[in-house]
């Protein structure tokens, strides 16, 4: 699984709280003109934004996908190409964000039937890099809009919203992950300088998945159903807490001739969700750890504004980012023998922590 960036494209669009609609000031309009023209109905979507992204992760990882170099050191890295479609809209009572992305790995993260880079159960084999499809949505319903009030705005706090969403993925590795999760909670939306925002969402998180290595009757597991293997390979984890945050801000302090740049970022913390092999009895696997999936900083250059003027701002964005993912998918990077560490030696496989440069182009259409 690569899951990525639970928000891999157009971070500036994600989960913006709906600002209260302003009212027109008509006191200075002569009376004979006030009723001259009917006010048109507002469209259902106040914002409807669609974007396509191509990106490249220079040093991606996938837990357990590693190989040994001739000098005995471990190579746990693989480059990943990413293509993604992102939709964001604002309507009268809230927002909707949807992203679907495809990740193509190199040979160090192989597709099935390889069980590891360059091998099938230890026998030499050459498999293509894995392909993953990952989708997510997040929706909000603003309390200010539902109750027609400004009671949920105070100082930099712009709104409080009910938030809900889900993630799902599939990947053609031997593990054959089929992640499904739901989130539900609140979002607190704050204003930042220079047309910026910061959203903070405390959430409840529940996940289901699949693990081909645990499936009863597979070449990698001939155990006892319900004791040391799963009849269908499907895992289910305990519900836990999560906190998701994201921010965006124009670099408005720059001179007018350089105001083509903005910064954004996001981070998600996900609590311990039980044993990594749940619902098998605890102790067969390793306990999960708190997961941090973050893109602390993304620097975006508004190429279309430079080429065609402010009217076309953010139609073509070029960006670079730093990606940090600790305890990927909840796997303890300092434990999890055979995945995060080499069984028997405890040596890190360098696959359960991801630190990588990340760059791409995003086009609005």
Protein backbone atom coordinates (compact mmCIF):
# COMPACT_ATOMS: atom_id res chain seq x y z
CA UNK A 1 0.00 0.00 0.00
CA UNK A 2 1.20 3.50 -0.74
CA UNK A 3 -1.78 5.52 0.43
CA UNK A 4 0.03 8.34 0.26
CA UNK A 5 -0.54 11.34 0.90
CA UNK A 6 -3.88 10.96 2.24
CA UNK A 7 -4.07 14.26 0.38
CA UNK A 8 -1.69 13.91 -2.53
CA UNK A 9 -2.99 16.74 -4.82
CA UNK A 10 -4.19 20.35 -4.58
CA UNK A 11 -3.82 20.69 -0.81
CA UNK A 12 -5.14 24.25 -0.99
CA UNK A 13 -8.57 22.89 -1.93
CA UNK A 14 -9.04 20.41 0.91
CA UNK A 15 -11.87 20.90 3.37
CA UNK A 16 -12.16 24.72 3.30
CA UNK A 17 -14.94 25.77 5.66
CA UNK A 18 -17.78 27.70 4.01
CA UNK A 19 -17.59 31.42 4.72
CA UNK A 20 -20.91 33.13 5.56
CA UNK A 21 -22.45 34.77 2.51
CA UNK A 22 -22.28 38.55 2.50
CA UNK A 23 -25.32 40.78 1.91
CA UNK A 24 -25.40 43.53 -0.71
CA UNK A 25 -25.48 47.12 0.53
CA UNK A 26 -28.35 48.93 -1.26
CA UNK A 27 -28.84 52.08 0.85
CA UNK A 28 -27.35 54.40 -1.78
CA UNK A 29 -29.27 53.04 -4.81
CA UNK A 30 -32.08 55.32 -6.01
CA UNK A 31 -35.51 53.77 -5.23
CA UNK A 32 -36.62 53.54 -8.87
CA UNK A 33 -33.73 51.20 -9.62
CA UNK A 34 -34.01 48.96 -6.59
CA UNK A 35 -36.69 46.68 -8.10
CA UNK A 36 -35.70 47.13 -11.71
CA UNK A 37 -34.00 43.76 -11.98
CA UNK A 38 -34.66 40.49 -10.20
CA UNK A 39 -31.73 38.99 -8.30
CA UNK A 40 -30.70 35.75 -10.04
CA UNK A 41 -30.82 32.53 -8.09
CA UNK A 42 -27.53 31.37 -6.66
CA UNK A 43 -26.10 28.24 -8.29
CA UNK A 44 -26.22 25.05 -6.23
CA UNK A 45 -22.40 24.87 -6.15
CA UNK A 46 -20.80 28.13 -5.10
CA UNK A 47 -17.41 26.62 -6.01
CA UNK A 48 -16.85 23.67 -8.35
CA UNK A 49 -13.17 22.94 -8.90
CA UNK A 50 -11.59 20.00 -10.75
CA UNK A 51 -7.86 19.33 -11.16
CA UNK A 52 -5.49 16.77 -12.66
CA UNK A 53 -2.03 16.13 -11.22
CA UNK A 54 1.09 14.30 -12.31
CA UNK A 55 3.70 13.88 -9.58
CA UNK A 56 6.85 11.97 -8.71
CA UNK A 57 7.86 10.61 -5.29
CA UNK A 58 11.63 10.23 -5.37
CA UNK A 59 12.15 7.91 -2.38
CA UNK A 60 8.87 6.17 -1.62
CA UNK A 61 8.54 3.09 0.57
CA UNK A 62 6.16 0.19 1.04
CA UNK A 63 6.42 -1.76 4.34
CA UNK A 64 8.24 -5.08 3.82
CA UNK A 65 9.36 -4.28 0.25
CA UNK A 66 13.15 -4.23 0.47
CA UNK A 67 16.24 -5.82 -1.05
CA UNK A 68 19.89 -6.26 -0.11
CA UNK A 69 22.63 -4.40 -1.95
CA UNK A 70 25.89 -6.23 -2.80
CA UNK A 71 27.57 -4.62 0.22
CA UNK A 72 24.90 -6.06 2.55
CA UNK A 73 23.09 -2.79 3.16
CA UNK A 74 19.32 -2.64 2.75
CA UNK A 75 17.52 -0.82 -0.03
CA UNK A 76 13.98 -0.05 1.14
CA UNK A 77 13.26 2.74 -1.32
CA UNK A 78 11.32 2.89 -4.56
CA UNK A 79 10.42 5.82 -6.76
CA UNK A 80 6.70 6.23 -7.48
CA UNK A 81 4.88 7.97 -10.29
CA UNK A 82 1.50 9.46 -9.37
CA UNK A 83 -1.48 10.56 -11.44
CA UNK A 84 -4.48 11.97 -9.60
CA UNK A 85 -7.87 13.59 -10.11
CA UNK A 86 -9.15 15.98 -7.44
CA UNK A 87 -12.62 17.49 -7.05
CA UNK A 88 -13.62 20.17 -4.55
CA UNK A 89 -16.96 21.96 -4.22
CA UNK A 90 -18.71 24.36 -1.88
CA UNK A 91 -22.51 24.43 -1.55
CA UNK A 92 -24.86 26.29 0.75
CA UNK A 93 -24.22 24.14 3.82
CA UNK A 94 -20.76 22.70 3.44
CA UNK A 95 -17.95 21.31 1.30
CA UNK A 96 -17.04 18.11 -0.52
CA UNK A 97 -13.51 16.93 -1.36
CA UNK A 98 -12.73 13.84 -3.46
CA UNK A 99 -9.37 12.53 -4.66
CA UNK A 100 -8.49 9.38 -6.59
CA UNK A 101 -4.85 8.58 -7.38
CA UNK A 102 -2.84 5.86 -9.09
CA UNK A 103 0.69 5.05 -7.90
CA UNK A 104 3.21 3.14 -10.02
CA UNK A 105 6.22 1.75 -8.11
CA UNK A 106 9.60 0.58 -9.30
CA UNK A 107 10.85 -3.03 -9.14
CA UNK A 108 11.83 -2.77 -5.48
CA UNK A 109 8.08 -2.74 -4.69
CA UNK A 110 6.95 -5.62 -6.96
CA UNK A 111 3.52 -6.72 -8.12
CA UNK A 112 2.20 -10.25 -7.56
CA UNK A 113 3.11 -13.06 -7.86
CA UNK A 114 6.40 -11.82 -6.38
CA UNK A 115 6.42 -12.06 -2.61
CA UNK A 116 9.44 -9.76 -2.42
CA UNK A 117 11.72 -7.78 -4.74
CA UNK A 118 13.07 -10.20 -7.36
CA UNK A 119 11.67 -13.38 -5.85
CA UNK A 120 8.66 -15.63 -5.30
CA UNK A 121 9.02 -17.37 -1.94
CA UNK A 122 12.79 -17.02 -2.25
CA UNK A 123 13.01 -18.26 -5.87
CA UNK A 124 14.39 -15.69 -8.32
CA UNK A 125 11.70 -13.97 -10.38
CA UNK A 126 11.24 -10.72 -12.24
CA UNK A 127 7.97 -8.88 -11.55
CA UNK A 128 6.80 -5.45 -12.62
CA UNK A 129 6.48 -2.66 -10.07
CA UNK A 130 3.19 -2.57 -8.17
CA UNK A 131 0.24 -0.38 -9.10
CA UNK A 132 -2.05 1.03 -6.43
CA UNK A 133 -5.35 2.88 -6.74
CA UNK A 134 -6.30 4.97 -3.71
CA UNK A 135 -9.41 7.10 -3.24
CA UNK A 136 -10.77 9.24 -0.43
CA UNK A 137 -13.48 11.76 0.26
CA UNK A 138 -14.10 14.24 3.04
CA UNK A 139 -17.30 16.25 3.47
CA UNK A 140 -18.25 18.99 5.92
CA UNK A 141 -21.53 20.53 7.05
CA UNK A 142 -20.98 23.98 8.60
CA UNK A 143 -22.75 24.85 11.85
CA UNK A 144 -22.89 28.56 10.95
CA UNK A 145 -24.72 27.71 7.72
CA UNK A 146 -27.08 25.10 9.19
CA UNK A 147 -28.17 27.37 12.05
CA UNK A 148 -27.92 30.64 10.07
CA UNK A 149 -25.69 32.21 12.68
CA UNK A 150 -22.18 33.49 13.30
CA UNK A 151 -22.02 31.94 16.77
CA UNK A 152 -19.34 29.49 15.58
CA UNK A 153 -17.01 32.29 14.49
CA UNK A 154 -14.77 34.01 17.00
CA UNK A 155 -11.49 35.79 16.34
CA UNK A 156 -9.50 33.72 13.84
CA UNK A 157 -12.02 30.84 14.13
CA UNK A 158 -14.15 31.02 10.99
CA UNK A 159 -16.43 28.02 11.41
CA UNK A 160 -17.04 24.70 13.14
CA UNK A 161 -18.32 21.85 10.97
CA UNK A 162 -19.43 18.25 11.21
CA UNK A 163 -16.99 16.20 9.11
CA UNK A 164 -17.23 12.68 7.73
CA UNK A 165 -15.44 10.66 5.07
CA UNK A 166 -13.90 7.40 3.93
CA UNK A 167 -10.84 5.93 2.19
CA UNK A 168 -10.45 2.85 -0.02
CA UNK A 169 -7.59 1.27 -1.94
CA UNK A 170 -6.49 -1.73 -3.95
CA UNK A 171 -2.99 -2.81 -4.99
CA UNK A 172 -1.75 -5.70 -7.13
CA UNK A 173 0.89 -6.97 -4.70
CA UNK A 174 0.97 -10.40 -3.03
CA UNK A 175 -0.29 -8.67 0.12
CA UNK A 176 -3.34 -7.59 -1.96
CA UNK A 177 -4.43 -4.79 0.37
CA UNK A 178 -8.04 -3.71 0.20
CA UNK A 179 -8.17 -0.92 2.73
CA UNK A 180 -11.49 0.58 3.75
CA UNK A 181 -11.85 3.12 6.52
CA UNK A 182 -14.33 5.66 7.81
CA UNK A 183 -13.77 8.89 9.71
CA UNK A 184 -16.27 11.08 11.54
CA UNK A 185 -15.84 14.09 13.82
CA UNK A 186 -15.51 17.87 13.78
CA UNK A 187 -13.55 20.41 11.78
CA UNK A 188 -12.37 23.74 13.20
CA UNK A 189 -11.54 26.22 10.44
CA UNK A 190 -9.22 29.14 11.20
CA UNK A 191 -8.15 32.10 9.08
CA UNK A 192 -4.49 32.77 8.31
CA UNK A 193 -2.96 35.94 6.81
CA UNK A 194 -2.81 36.48 3.06
CA UNK A 195 -6.05 34.64 2.19
CA UNK A 196 -4.90 31.59 4.12
CA UNK A 197 -6.60 29.01 6.29
CA UNK A 198 -5.84 26.28 8.82
CA UNK A 199 -8.26 23.37 9.34
CA UNK A 200 -8.00 21.06 12.36
CA UNK A 201 -10.20 17.93 12.55
CA UNK A 202 -10.38 15.61 15.58
CA UNK A 203 -11.94 12.37 14.32
CA UNK A 204 -12.96 8.81 15.07
CA UNK A 205 -11.20 6.31 12.74
CA UNK A 206 -12.13 2.68 11.92
CA UNK A 207 -10.26 0.47 9.40
CA UNK A 208 -10.71 -2.85 7.59
CA UNK A 209 -8.09 -4.36 5.25
CA UNK A 210 -6.70 -7.53 3.63
CA UNK A 211 -3.40 -9.39 4.02
CA UNK A 212 -2.50 -12.15 1.54
CA UNK A 213 0.30 -13.41 3.80
CA UNK A 214 -2.29 -14.27 6.49
CA UNK A 215 -4.77 -16.07 4.22
CA UNK A 216 -5.31 -19.71 5.13
CA UNK A 217 -4.19 -22.16 2.45
CA UNK A 218 -1.86 -19.69 0.76
CA UNK A 219 1.78 -20.71 0.10
CA UNK A 220 2.82 -18.35 2.90
CA UNK A 221 0.36 -19.58 5.54
CA UNK A 222 -0.79 -23.12 6.21
CA UNK A 223 -1.97 -22.34 9.74
CA UNK A 224 -5.13 -22.97 11.71
CA UNK A 225 -8.10 -20.77 10.74
CA UNK A 226 -8.84 -18.15 13.38
CA UNK A 227 -5.69 -19.06 15.32
CA UNK A 228 -2.72 -18.45 13.04
CA UNK A 229 -4.39 -17.62 9.72
CA UNK A 230 -7.48 -15.88 8.40
CA UNK A 231 -9.84 -17.86 6.16
CA UNK A 232 -10.35 -14.92 3.79
CA UNK A 233 -7.28 -12.84 4.67
CA UNK A 234 -9.46 -9.95 5.83
CA UNK A 235 -8.20 -7.95 8.80
CA UNK A 236 -10.25 -5.70 11.08
CA UNK A 237 -8.79 -3.21 13.52
CA UNK A 238 -10.04 -1.47 16.63
CA UNK A 239 -11.60 1.93 16.24
CA UNK A 240 -9.25 4.71 17.33
CA UNK A 241 -8.70 8.45 17.34
CA UNK A 242 -7.33 10.58 14.52
CA UNK A 243 -6.43 14.22 13.96
CA UNK A 244 -6.18 15.60 10.42
CA UNK A 245 -4.92 19.10 9.68
CA UNK A 246 -4.23 21.11 6.54
CA UNK A 247 -3.26 24.69 5.77
CA UNK A 248 -2.73 27.09 2.86
CA UNK A 249 -1.35 30.63 2.58
CA UNK A 250 -0.26 32.93 -0.24
CA UNK A 251 3.18 34.46 0.25
CA UNK A 252 1.61 37.91 0.10
CA UNK A 253 4.53 39.58 1.86
CA UNK A 254 6.68 39.16 -1.26
CA UNK A 255 7.12 42.10 -3.66
CA UNK A 256 4.35 42.46 -6.24
CA UNK A 257 6.65 41.18 -8.99
CA UNK A 258 7.13 37.90 -7.07
CA UNK A 259 3.60 37.16 -5.87
CA UNK A 260 3.33 33.84 -7.67
CA UNK A 261 4.11 31.62 -4.67
CA UNK A 262 2.08 29.96 -1.94
CA UNK A 263 2.73 27.37 0.77
CA UNK A 264 0.49 24.58 1.98
CA UNK A 265 0.72 21.36 3.91
CA UNK A 266 -1.15 18.71 5.84
CA UNK A 267 -0.65 16.16 8.59
CA UNK A 268 -2.67 13.24 9.92
CA UNK A 269 -2.14 11.39 13.20
CA UNK A 270 -3.87 8.01 13.66
CA UNK A 271 -3.93 6.21 17.00
CA UNK A 272 -2.97 2.63 17.83
CA UNK A 273 -5.54 0.23 16.38
CA UNK A 274 -4.63 -3.08 18.03
CA UNK A 275 -2.48 -5.97 16.81
CA UNK A 276 -1.25 -5.70 13.21
CA UNK A 277 -2.80 -9.12 12.45
CA UNK A 278 -6.18 -8.49 14.08
CA UNK A 279 -8.61 -10.15 14.43
CA UNK A 280 -6.17 -13.04 15.02
CA UNK A 281 -5.29 -13.48 18.71
CA UNK A 282 -3.06 -10.75 20.09
CA UNK A 283 0.60 -11.67 20.26
CA UNK A 284 0.80 -13.45 16.89
CA UNK A 285 1.79 -10.14 15.34
CA UNK A 286 3.15 -6.86 16.71
CA UNK A 287 1.09 -4.13 18.29
CA UNK A 288 0.43 -1.14 16.05
CA UNK A 289 1.90 2.30 16.73
CA UNK A 290 0.68 5.88 16.34
CA UNK A 291 0.95 6.76 12.64
CA UNK A 292 1.99 10.18 11.32
CA UNK A 293 1.35 10.83 7.62
CA UNK A 294 2.46 14.33 6.69
CA UNK A 295 3.47 16.71 3.97
CA UNK A 296 4.70 19.54 6.23
CA UNK A 297 5.49 21.93 3.41
CA UNK A 298 4.58 22.32 -0.25
CA UNK A 299 5.85 25.33 -2.20
CA UNK A 300 3.65 26.12 -5.19
CA UNK A 301 4.51 28.34 -8.15
CA UNK A 302 1.51 29.78 -10.02
CA UNK A 303 2.80 29.36 -13.58
CA UNK A 304 -0.46 30.32 -15.29
CA UNK A 305 -0.66 33.63 -13.41
CA UNK A 306 2.86 34.48 -14.60
CA UNK A 307 2.13 33.50 -18.21
CA UNK A 308 -1.47 34.75 -18.66
CA UNK A 309 -2.23 37.09 -15.78
CA UNK A 310 -4.27 37.03 -12.53
CA UNK A 311 -7.44 35.95 -14.35
CA UNK A 312 -5.85 32.50 -14.80
CA UNK A 313 -4.38 32.19 -11.33
CA UNK A 314 -3.74 28.55 -10.28
CA UNK A 315 -4.85 27.07 -13.62
CA UNK A 316 -1.33 25.59 -13.89
CA UNK A 317 0.64 25.04 -10.67
CA UNK A 318 4.17 23.66 -10.40
CA UNK A 319 5.14 22.51 -6.93
CA UNK A 320 7.74 20.80 -4.78
CA UNK A 321 7.13 19.24 -1.38
CA UNK A 322 8.63 17.21 1.44
CA UNK A 323 6.83 14.00 2.44
CA UNK A 324 7.20 12.34 5.87
CA UNK A 325 5.38 9.16 6.93
CA UNK A 326 6.27 7.51 10.23
CA UNK A 327 4.91 4.05 11.20
CA UNK A 328 3.29 3.59 7.80
CA UNK A 329 -0.20 2.08 8.07
CA UNK A 330 0.29 1.83 11.84
CA UNK A 331 3.21 -0.64 11.61
CA UNK A 332 5.79 -0.01 14.32
CA UNK A 333 8.95 1.07 12.48
CA UNK A 334 11.13 -0.21 15.33
CA UNK A 335 9.47 -3.63 15.49
CA UNK A 336 7.25 -5.72 13.13
CA UNK A 337 9.83 -8.48 12.32
CA UNK A 338 9.93 -9.41 8.63
CA UNK A 339 8.32 -6.12 7.68
CA UNK A 340 9.86 -3.11 9.41
CA UNK A 341 12.85 -5.03 10.74
CA UNK A 342 14.79 -8.08 9.49
CA UNK A 343 13.62 -11.18 11.33
CA UNK A 344 16.34 -12.52 13.61
CA UNK A 345 18.65 -9.49 13.43
CA UNK A 346 16.36 -6.56 14.19
CA UNK A 347 18.02 -4.50 11.45
CA UNK A 348 15.71 -1.84 10.06
CA UNK A 349 14.38 -2.50 6.55
CA UNK A 350 13.92 1.26 6.06
CA UNK A 351 10.42 0.62 4.71
CA UNK A 352 8.11 1.75 7.54
CA UNK A 353 9.29 5.37 7.54
CA UNK A 354 9.14 7.45 4.38
CA UNK A 355 11.13 10.64 3.91
CA UNK A 356 11.11 11.91 0.37
CA UNK A 357 11.09 14.90 -1.93
CA UNK A 358 7.88 15.10 -3.93
CA UNK A 359 7.25 17.23 -7.03
CA UNK A 360 4.46 17.67 -9.54
CA UNK A 361 2.29 19.71 -11.89
CA UNK A 362 -1.40 20.39 -11.26
CA UNK A 363 -3.77 21.64 -13.98
CA UNK A 364 -7.25 23.04 -13.39
CA UNK A 365 -9.94 22.26 -15.96
